[in-house]
Protein backbone atom coordinates (compact mmCIF):
# COMPACT_ATOMS: atom_id res chain seq x y z
CA MET A 1 -79.32 -55.82 114.25
CA LEU A 2 -75.60 -56.49 113.92
CA ALA A 3 -75.39 -58.03 117.40
CA ARG A 4 -78.35 -60.31 116.66
CA ASP A 5 -76.79 -61.44 113.38
CA TRP A 6 -73.49 -62.04 115.17
CA ARG A 7 -75.17 -64.15 117.88
CA ARG A 8 -77.10 -66.10 115.27
CA TRP A 9 -73.87 -66.68 113.33
CA LEU A 10 -72.09 -67.92 116.46
CA SER A 11 -75.02 -70.21 117.33
CA SER A 12 -74.68 -72.00 114.00
CA VAL A 13 -73.71 -75.68 114.28
CA SER A 14 -71.15 -75.41 111.49
CA VAL A 15 -69.50 -72.36 113.09
CA LYS A 16 -69.37 -74.05 116.50
CA LEU A 17 -67.89 -77.21 115.01
CA ALA A 18 -65.33 -75.23 113.00
CA LEU A 19 -64.28 -73.18 116.04
CA TRP A 20 -63.95 -76.29 118.22
CA LEU A 21 -61.89 -78.09 115.59
CA ILE A 22 -59.64 -75.07 115.00
CA ALA A 23 -59.19 -74.55 118.76
CA SER A 24 -58.41 -78.25 119.25
CA MET A 25 -55.89 -78.27 116.43
CA ALA A 26 -54.34 -75.05 117.73
CA PHE A 27 -53.98 -76.65 121.17
CA VAL A 28 -52.44 -79.80 119.69
CA PHE A 29 -50.08 -77.78 117.47
CA SER A 30 -49.12 -75.57 120.42
CA LEU A 31 -48.37 -78.60 122.56
CA LEU A 32 -46.36 -80.26 119.80
CA GLY A 33 -44.55 -77.00 119.05
CA TYR A 34 -43.69 -76.50 122.71
CA GLN A 35 -42.41 -80.06 123.02
CA THR A 36 -40.43 -79.70 119.78
CA LEU A 37 -38.93 -76.42 120.96
CA GLN A 38 -37.98 -77.92 124.32
CA LEU A 39 -36.37 -80.91 122.61
CA HIS A 40 -34.52 -78.58 120.24
CA LYS A 41 -33.34 -76.45 123.15
CA ARG A 42 -32.29 -79.53 125.13
CA ASP A 43 -30.40 -80.93 122.15
CA LEU A 44 -28.58 -77.65 121.54
CA GLU A 45 -27.63 -77.35 125.20
CA ARG A 46 -26.49 -80.99 125.27
CA MET A 47 -24.37 -80.43 122.18
CA THR A 48 -22.94 -77.28 123.76
CA ILE A 49 -22.13 -79.20 126.94
CA MET A 50 -20.45 -81.92 124.91
CA SER A 51 -18.50 -79.24 123.03
CA ALA A 52 -17.47 -77.60 126.30
CA ASP A 53 -16.43 -80.97 127.72
CA ARG A 54 -14.33 -81.76 124.64
CA THR A 55 -12.85 -78.26 124.67
CA SER A 56 -11.99 -78.64 128.35
CA ASP A 57 -10.33 -82.01 127.74
CA VAL A 58 -8.39 -80.64 124.78
CA ILE A 59 -7.21 -77.66 126.85
CA LYS A 60 -6.22 -79.86 129.78
CA ARG A 61 -4.30 -82.26 127.56
CA GLY A 62 -2.73 -79.39 125.63
CA LEU A 63 -1.51 -77.82 128.86
CA ARG A 64 -0.27 -81.05 130.43
CA TYR A 65 3.29 -80.76 129.21
CA SER A 66 3.54 -77.08 130.10
CA MET A 67 2.19 -77.83 133.57
CA LEU A 68 4.66 -80.66 134.08
CA GLN A 69 7.47 -78.34 133.03
CA ASN A 70 5.95 -75.49 135.05
CA HIS A 71 6.05 -73.16 132.02
CA ARG A 72 3.58 -70.61 133.35
CA ASP A 73 4.02 -68.20 130.44
CA GLU A 74 3.21 -70.93 127.94
CA ILE A 75 0.16 -71.91 129.97
CA TYR A 76 -1.06 -68.32 130.12
CA HIS A 77 -0.55 -67.59 126.42
CA THR A 78 -2.12 -70.90 125.44
CA LEU A 79 -5.19 -70.02 127.50
CA LEU A 80 -5.32 -66.56 125.89
CA THR A 81 -5.06 -68.07 122.40
CA ILE A 82 -7.79 -70.61 123.05
CA GLY A 83 -9.94 -68.08 124.92
CA ALA A 84 -9.92 -65.78 121.90
CA GLN A 85 -11.86 -68.36 119.88
CA PRO A 86 -15.50 -67.49 119.07
CA GLY A 87 -17.97 -68.78 121.62
CA ILE A 88 -15.50 -69.08 124.50
CA HIS A 89 -16.33 -66.67 127.29
CA LYS A 90 -13.57 -67.32 129.82
CA ILE A 91 -11.01 -69.95 130.85
CA ARG A 92 -9.70 -70.21 134.39
CA ILE A 93 -7.46 -72.52 136.38
CA PHE A 94 -7.62 -72.38 140.15
CA ASP A 95 -6.05 -74.58 142.76
CA LYS A 96 -7.72 -76.60 145.46
CA GLU A 97 -7.80 -73.62 147.81
CA GLY A 98 -9.72 -71.53 145.29
CA ARG A 99 -6.90 -69.23 144.18
CA ILE A 100 -7.09 -68.37 140.48
CA SER A 101 -3.69 -69.25 139.06
CA PHE A 102 -4.50 -68.54 135.40
CA SER A 103 -7.37 -66.73 133.70
CA THR A 104 -8.09 -65.16 130.36
CA ASP A 105 -9.30 -62.21 132.43
CA ALA A 106 -6.11 -60.69 133.86
CA ARG A 107 -8.05 -58.95 136.63
CA GLU A 108 -8.81 -62.29 138.27
CA MET A 109 -5.19 -63.48 138.48
CA ASN A 110 -4.11 -64.50 142.01
CA THR A 111 -7.55 -63.80 143.46
CA PHE A 112 -9.68 -66.27 145.34
CA VAL A 113 -13.08 -67.53 144.29
CA ASP A 114 -15.99 -68.09 146.61
CA LYS A 115 -16.21 -71.81 147.28
CA ARG A 116 -19.96 -71.40 147.67
CA ALA A 117 -20.22 -69.95 144.17
CA GLU A 118 -21.71 -71.95 141.31
CA ALA A 119 -18.32 -73.17 140.03
CA CYS A 120 -17.28 -74.66 143.38
CA TYR A 121 -20.56 -75.51 145.05
CA ALA A 122 -20.90 -78.94 143.40
CA CYS A 123 -17.73 -80.21 145.11
CA HIS A 124 -17.78 -78.09 148.28
CA ALA A 125 -21.45 -78.46 149.15
CA GLN A 126 -20.37 -80.92 151.85
CA GLU A 127 -17.80 -80.53 154.58
CA GLN A 128 -15.52 -83.03 152.84
CA PRO A 129 -15.03 -81.95 149.17
CA LEU A 130 -15.83 -84.51 146.51
CA VAL A 131 -13.01 -85.92 144.43
CA ARG A 132 -14.96 -86.79 141.28
CA LEU A 133 -18.20 -85.53 139.76
CA GLU A 134 -20.31 -86.78 136.92
CA ARG A 135 -20.57 -84.46 133.93
CA PRO A 136 -24.13 -83.19 134.65
CA ASP A 137 -22.94 -82.07 138.10
CA ARG A 138 -19.93 -80.27 136.59
CA VAL A 139 -22.11 -78.06 134.39
CA ARG A 140 -23.74 -74.80 135.40
CA VAL A 141 -25.67 -72.13 133.51
CA TYR A 142 -25.87 -68.54 134.72
CA VAL A 143 -26.41 -65.04 133.38
CA GLY A 144 -23.31 -62.96 132.64
CA ASP A 145 -22.68 -59.26 133.09
CA ARG A 146 -24.06 -58.46 129.62
CA GLY A 147 -27.28 -60.33 130.25
CA GLU A 148 -26.33 -63.32 128.12
CA ARG A 149 -26.49 -66.86 129.35
CA ILE A 150 -23.17 -68.52 130.14
CA LEU A 151 -22.49 -72.25 130.34
CA GLY A 152 -19.67 -73.21 132.64
CA LEU A 153 -17.99 -76.59 132.97
CA ILE A 154 -15.39 -77.54 135.55
CA ASN A 155 -12.82 -80.22 134.81
CA PRO A 156 -10.76 -81.41 137.78
CA ILE A 157 -6.98 -81.58 137.27
CA GLU A 158 -6.14 -84.84 138.96
CA ASN A 159 -2.82 -85.65 140.52
CA GLU A 160 -0.75 -88.28 138.71
CA PRO A 161 2.74 -89.76 139.14
CA GLY A 162 4.24 -87.37 136.61
CA CYS A 163 3.14 -84.49 138.83
CA TYR A 164 4.23 -85.50 142.30
CA THR A 165 7.51 -87.11 141.13
CA ALA A 166 8.71 -84.07 139.19
CA SER A 167 11.55 -82.14 140.81
CA CYS A 168 9.82 -78.80 140.36
CA HIS A 169 6.59 -79.82 142.06
CA ALA A 170 5.81 -80.20 145.70
CA HIS A 171 2.55 -82.11 145.51
CA SER A 172 1.85 -84.91 147.90
CA PRO A 173 1.06 -88.30 146.38
CA THR A 174 -2.03 -88.43 148.60
CA GLN A 175 -3.50 -85.29 147.06
CA SER A 176 -6.11 -86.47 144.55
CA VAL A 177 -7.01 -83.15 142.90
CA LEU A 178 -4.48 -80.44 142.16
CA GLY A 179 -6.89 -77.87 140.80
CA VAL A 180 -9.82 -77.21 138.51
CA LEU A 181 -10.00 -76.09 134.89
CA ASP A 182 -13.08 -73.90 134.51
CA VAL A 183 -14.24 -73.30 130.93
CA THR A 184 -17.22 -71.03 130.26
CA LEU A 185 -18.92 -70.78 126.89
CA SER A 186 -21.36 -68.17 125.71
CA LEU A 187 -24.84 -69.51 125.05
CA ALA A 188 -25.68 -66.51 122.85
CA PRO A 189 -25.41 -68.59 119.62
CA VAL A 190 -27.57 -71.28 121.21
CA ASP A 191 -30.11 -68.73 122.39
CA ALA A 192 -30.09 -67.12 118.94
CA ALA A 193 -30.68 -70.53 117.37
CA ILE A 194 -33.47 -71.20 119.86
CA ALA A 195 -35.02 -67.79 119.14
CA GLU A 196 -34.79 -68.43 115.41
CA GLY A 197 -36.33 -71.85 115.96
CA GLN A 198 -39.12 -70.19 117.93
CA ARG A 199 -39.76 -67.74 115.12
CA GLN A 200 -39.74 -70.47 112.49
CA LEU A 201 -41.93 -72.66 114.65
CA PHE A 202 -44.31 -69.74 115.23
CA ARG A 203 -44.50 -69.06 111.49
CA LEU A 204 -45.05 -72.75 110.87
CA PHE A 205 -47.67 -72.78 113.61
CA LEU A 206 -49.53 -69.82 112.10
CA GLY A 207 -49.30 -71.30 108.62
CA SER A 208 -50.50 -74.69 109.84
CA ILE A 209 -53.37 -73.17 111.82
CA LEU A 210 -54.36 -71.03 108.83
CA PHE A 211 -54.24 -74.05 106.53
CA VAL A 212 -56.16 -76.22 108.99
CA ALA A 213 -58.69 -73.41 109.52
CA LEU A 214 -59.25 -73.09 105.78
CA VAL A 215 -59.61 -76.86 105.41
CA VAL A 216 -61.96 -77.08 108.40
CA VAL A 217 -64.06 -74.17 107.16
CA ALA A 218 -64.22 -75.62 103.64
CA VAL A 219 -65.13 -79.09 104.89
CA THR A 220 -67.64 -77.68 107.36
CA VAL A 221 -69.28 -75.53 104.71
CA VAL A 222 -69.44 -78.35 102.16
CA MET A 223 -70.40 -81.19 104.50
CA ILE A 224 -72.51 -79.43 107.13
CA HIS A 225 -73.47 -75.84 106.31
CA VAL A 226 -74.68 -76.43 102.74
CA PRO A 227 -76.76 -79.58 103.56
CA ILE A 228 -78.32 -77.85 106.58
CA LYS A 229 -79.05 -74.81 104.42
CA HIS A 230 -80.76 -77.07 101.88
CA LEU A 231 -82.77 -78.71 104.66
CA LYS A 232 -83.78 -75.32 106.01
CA LYS A 233 -84.82 -74.14 102.56
CA GLY A 234 -86.73 -77.38 102.01
CA THR A 235 -88.68 -77.02 105.26
CA LYS A 236 -89.66 -73.47 104.35
CA ARG A 237 -90.75 -74.50 100.84
CA VAL A 238 -92.79 -77.42 102.18
CA ALA A 239 -94.28 -75.21 104.90
CA ALA A 240 -95.33 -72.80 102.13
CA GLY A 241 -97.15 -75.66 100.38
CA ASP A 242 -94.61 -76.57 97.70
CA LEU A 243 -94.70 -80.35 98.02
CA ASP A 244 -92.89 -80.83 94.70
CA TYR A 245 -89.61 -79.43 96.09
CA LYS A 246 -86.77 -81.95 96.42
CA ILE A 247 -83.59 -81.42 98.43
CA PRO A 248 -80.51 -82.15 96.29
CA LEU A 249 -78.62 -85.20 97.57
CA THR A 250 -74.92 -84.25 97.62
CA SER A 251 -73.58 -86.89 100.03
CA ARG A 252 -74.26 -90.31 101.47
CA ASP A 253 -73.52 -89.48 105.09
CA GLU A 254 -76.01 -88.89 107.89
CA LEU A 255 -77.05 -85.51 106.50
CA GLY A 256 -77.51 -87.10 103.08
CA GLU A 257 -79.70 -89.78 104.65
CA LEU A 258 -81.63 -87.05 106.46
CA ALA A 259 -82.17 -85.21 103.17
CA ALA A 260 -83.35 -88.46 101.53
CA SER A 261 -85.74 -89.07 104.43
CA PHE A 262 -87.00 -85.51 104.07
CA ASN A 263 -87.68 -86.09 100.37
CA GLU A 264 -89.52 -89.31 101.20
CA MET A 265 -91.55 -87.47 103.82
CA THR A 266 -92.38 -84.76 101.30
CA GLU A 267 -93.45 -87.43 98.81
CA GLU A 268 -95.69 -89.04 101.43
CA LEU A 269 -97.15 -85.65 102.32
CA LYS A 270 -97.82 -84.99 98.65
CA ARG A 271 -99.51 -88.37 98.26
CA ALA A 272 -101.58 -87.79 101.40
CA HIS A 273 -102.48 -84.30 100.21
CA GLU A 274 -103.60 -85.67 96.87
CA GLU A 275 -105.70 -88.32 98.62
CA VAL A 276 -107.24 -85.72 100.89
CA THR A 277 -107.89 -83.47 97.91
CA SER A 278 -109.47 -86.41 96.03
CA TRP A 279 -111.62 -87.29 99.02
CA ALA A 280 -112.60 -83.64 99.39
CA ARG A 281 -113.51 -83.48 95.71
CA THR A 282 -115.54 -86.71 95.98
CA LEU A 283 -117.21 -85.40 99.11
CA GLU A 284 -118.09 -82.17 97.35
CA GLU A 285 -119.59 -84.14 94.47
CA ARG A 286 -121.59 -86.33 96.83
CA VAL A 287 -122.71 -83.30 98.79
CA ALA A 288 -123.77 -81.69 95.52
CA GLU A 289 -125.67 -84.84 94.57
CA LYS A 290 -127.35 -85.03 97.95
CA THR A 291 -128.16 -81.34 97.74
CA ALA A 292 -129.74 -81.86 94.33
CA GLU A 293 -131.70 -84.81 95.68
CA LEU A 294 -132.84 -82.77 98.64
CA ARG A 295 -133.80 -79.93 96.32
CA ARG A 296 -135.81 -82.32 94.16
CA THR A 297 -137.43 -83.87 97.19
CA HIS A 298 -138.25 -80.43 98.50
CA GLU A 299 -139.78 -79.46 95.20
CA GLN A 300 -141.76 -82.69 95.18
CA MET A 301 -142.95 -81.98 98.68
CA ILE A 302 -143.94 -78.48 97.68
CA HIS A 303 -145.75 -79.89 94.64
CA ALA A 304 -147.45 -82.49 96.81
CA GLU A 305 -148.47 -79.82 99.28
CA ARG A 306 -149.82 -77.74 96.43
CA MET A 307 -151.74 -80.74 95.05
CA ALA A 308 -153.06 -81.52 98.49
CA SER A 309 -154.18 -77.91 98.87
CA ILE A 310 -155.87 -78.04 95.48
CA GLY A 311 -157.61 -81.34 96.40
CA LYS A 312 -158.77 -79.89 99.67
CA LEU A 313 -160.05 -76.83 97.88
CA ALA A 314 -161.78 -79.01 95.32
CA ALA A 315 -163.40 -81.02 98.09
CA ILE A 316 -164.61 -77.87 99.76
CA VAL A 317 -165.93 -76.53 96.46
CA ALA A 318 -167.54 -79.88 95.68
CA HIS A 319 -169.09 -79.91 99.12
CA GLU A 320 -170.40 -76.42 98.68
CA ILE A 321 -171.77 -77.33 95.29
CA ASN A 322 -173.21 -80.63 96.44
CA ASN A 323 -175.30 -79.05 99.17
CA PRO A 324 -177.59 -76.96 96.83
CA LEU A 325 -177.55 -79.68 94.23
CA SER A 326 -178.88 -82.13 96.80
CA GLY A 327 -181.77 -79.78 97.56
CA ILE A 328 -182.43 -79.29 93.87
CA LEU A 329 -182.27 -83.02 93.27
CA THR A 330 -184.65 -83.67 96.15
CA THR A 331 -187.05 -81.03 94.91
CA ALA A 332 -186.84 -82.42 91.37
CA LYS A 333 -187.58 -85.90 92.63
CA LEU A 334 -190.51 -84.56 94.61
CA LEU A 335 -191.88 -82.80 91.53
CA LEU A 336 -191.52 -85.93 89.48
CA LYS A 337 -193.39 -87.85 92.15
CA LYS A 338 -196.20 -85.35 92.26
CA MET A 339 -196.55 -85.13 88.52
CA GLY A 340 -196.71 -88.87 88.18
CA ASP A 341 -197.06 -90.45 84.77
CA HIS A 342 -199.83 -88.11 83.57
CA GLY A 343 -198.41 -84.78 84.66
CA PRO A 344 -199.57 -82.47 87.45
CA SER A 345 -203.21 -81.85 88.08
CA ALA A 346 -204.73 -78.45 88.13
CA GLU A 347 -204.58 -78.37 91.91
CA GLU A 348 -200.91 -79.20 91.94
CA LEU A 349 -199.83 -76.56 89.39
CA PRO A 350 -199.41 -73.77 91.94
CA SER A 351 -197.15 -75.86 94.13
CA VAL A 352 -195.22 -77.09 91.10
CA ARG A 353 -194.77 -73.52 90.00
CA GLN A 354 -193.59 -72.67 93.50
CA TYR A 355 -191.00 -75.49 93.47
CA LEU A 356 -189.78 -74.46 90.05
CA GLU A 357 -189.36 -70.86 91.16
CA LEU A 358 -187.46 -72.10 94.18
CA ILE A 359 -185.13 -74.10 91.97
């Protein structure tokens, strides 16, 4: 019983339309939400890259004087001070050979990096290292030891006249790049902002879907379910013989026009039913009249048959009576003839007596 009701409920036009609309809106909202989230993520990462680029330039310019004066302690402490700022994961300076000259992580000092690693691969992917890279090629994103995403940006330290002309430096004027400043920033705040954006977007998505679902259900019930229910009720009432029932007209759309057409059809059916009833009543009256006429005709025929029978009987009786009367009349005439004008003679009296006795 429950399964049948459930299937009948799902087969309803209004339910199908509501489900399709809700599913379509959910798909559209999901697509828009995904695109919005991707744009938000891209914007945050672009802003982080710009921040890392500015931070790298500020660090490089802030260390320029100390590098020219070869004040290694100042360089190291400046890197430690800047590296202690929130959001900065690590700052390193390594030369062209890959030796880490300075790092906020003391364990990496004077060690060599793998030139095939993510920080060096952009320049050393070819046999001849590149001198200059565009900013998108200087950025990398990887996962750190703690499982958080790290954004790294390399900033080449280019050779300039102040470097190779200083008495304390031994750089060749033909050397284009002296080293690389590698700044890595933690993307944990960005990921947290993205996660919060996802949660807010998900809540907004659920709220929007719920609101749209309520609106769709309300509109579907008012504009489709109720008119169809009225039409269904009207068909049942008319099928039961109630031709006076009228479907309430609540709208002027196609369903409203259908309801108006149904009312017109019911009115025509009522008019036709009244005409048929009138014709049936007239036919009954005419049949009654014809029946009465036939009854009267039958009675007349019976009366005529009775009269004919009586006439026949009278003729038979008259015939039976006429036969002896004819004999009597003949005998009487014969007696009158024999008696003549003077009466019977003595000789004729016996025969006259005989005729009289016969009569």
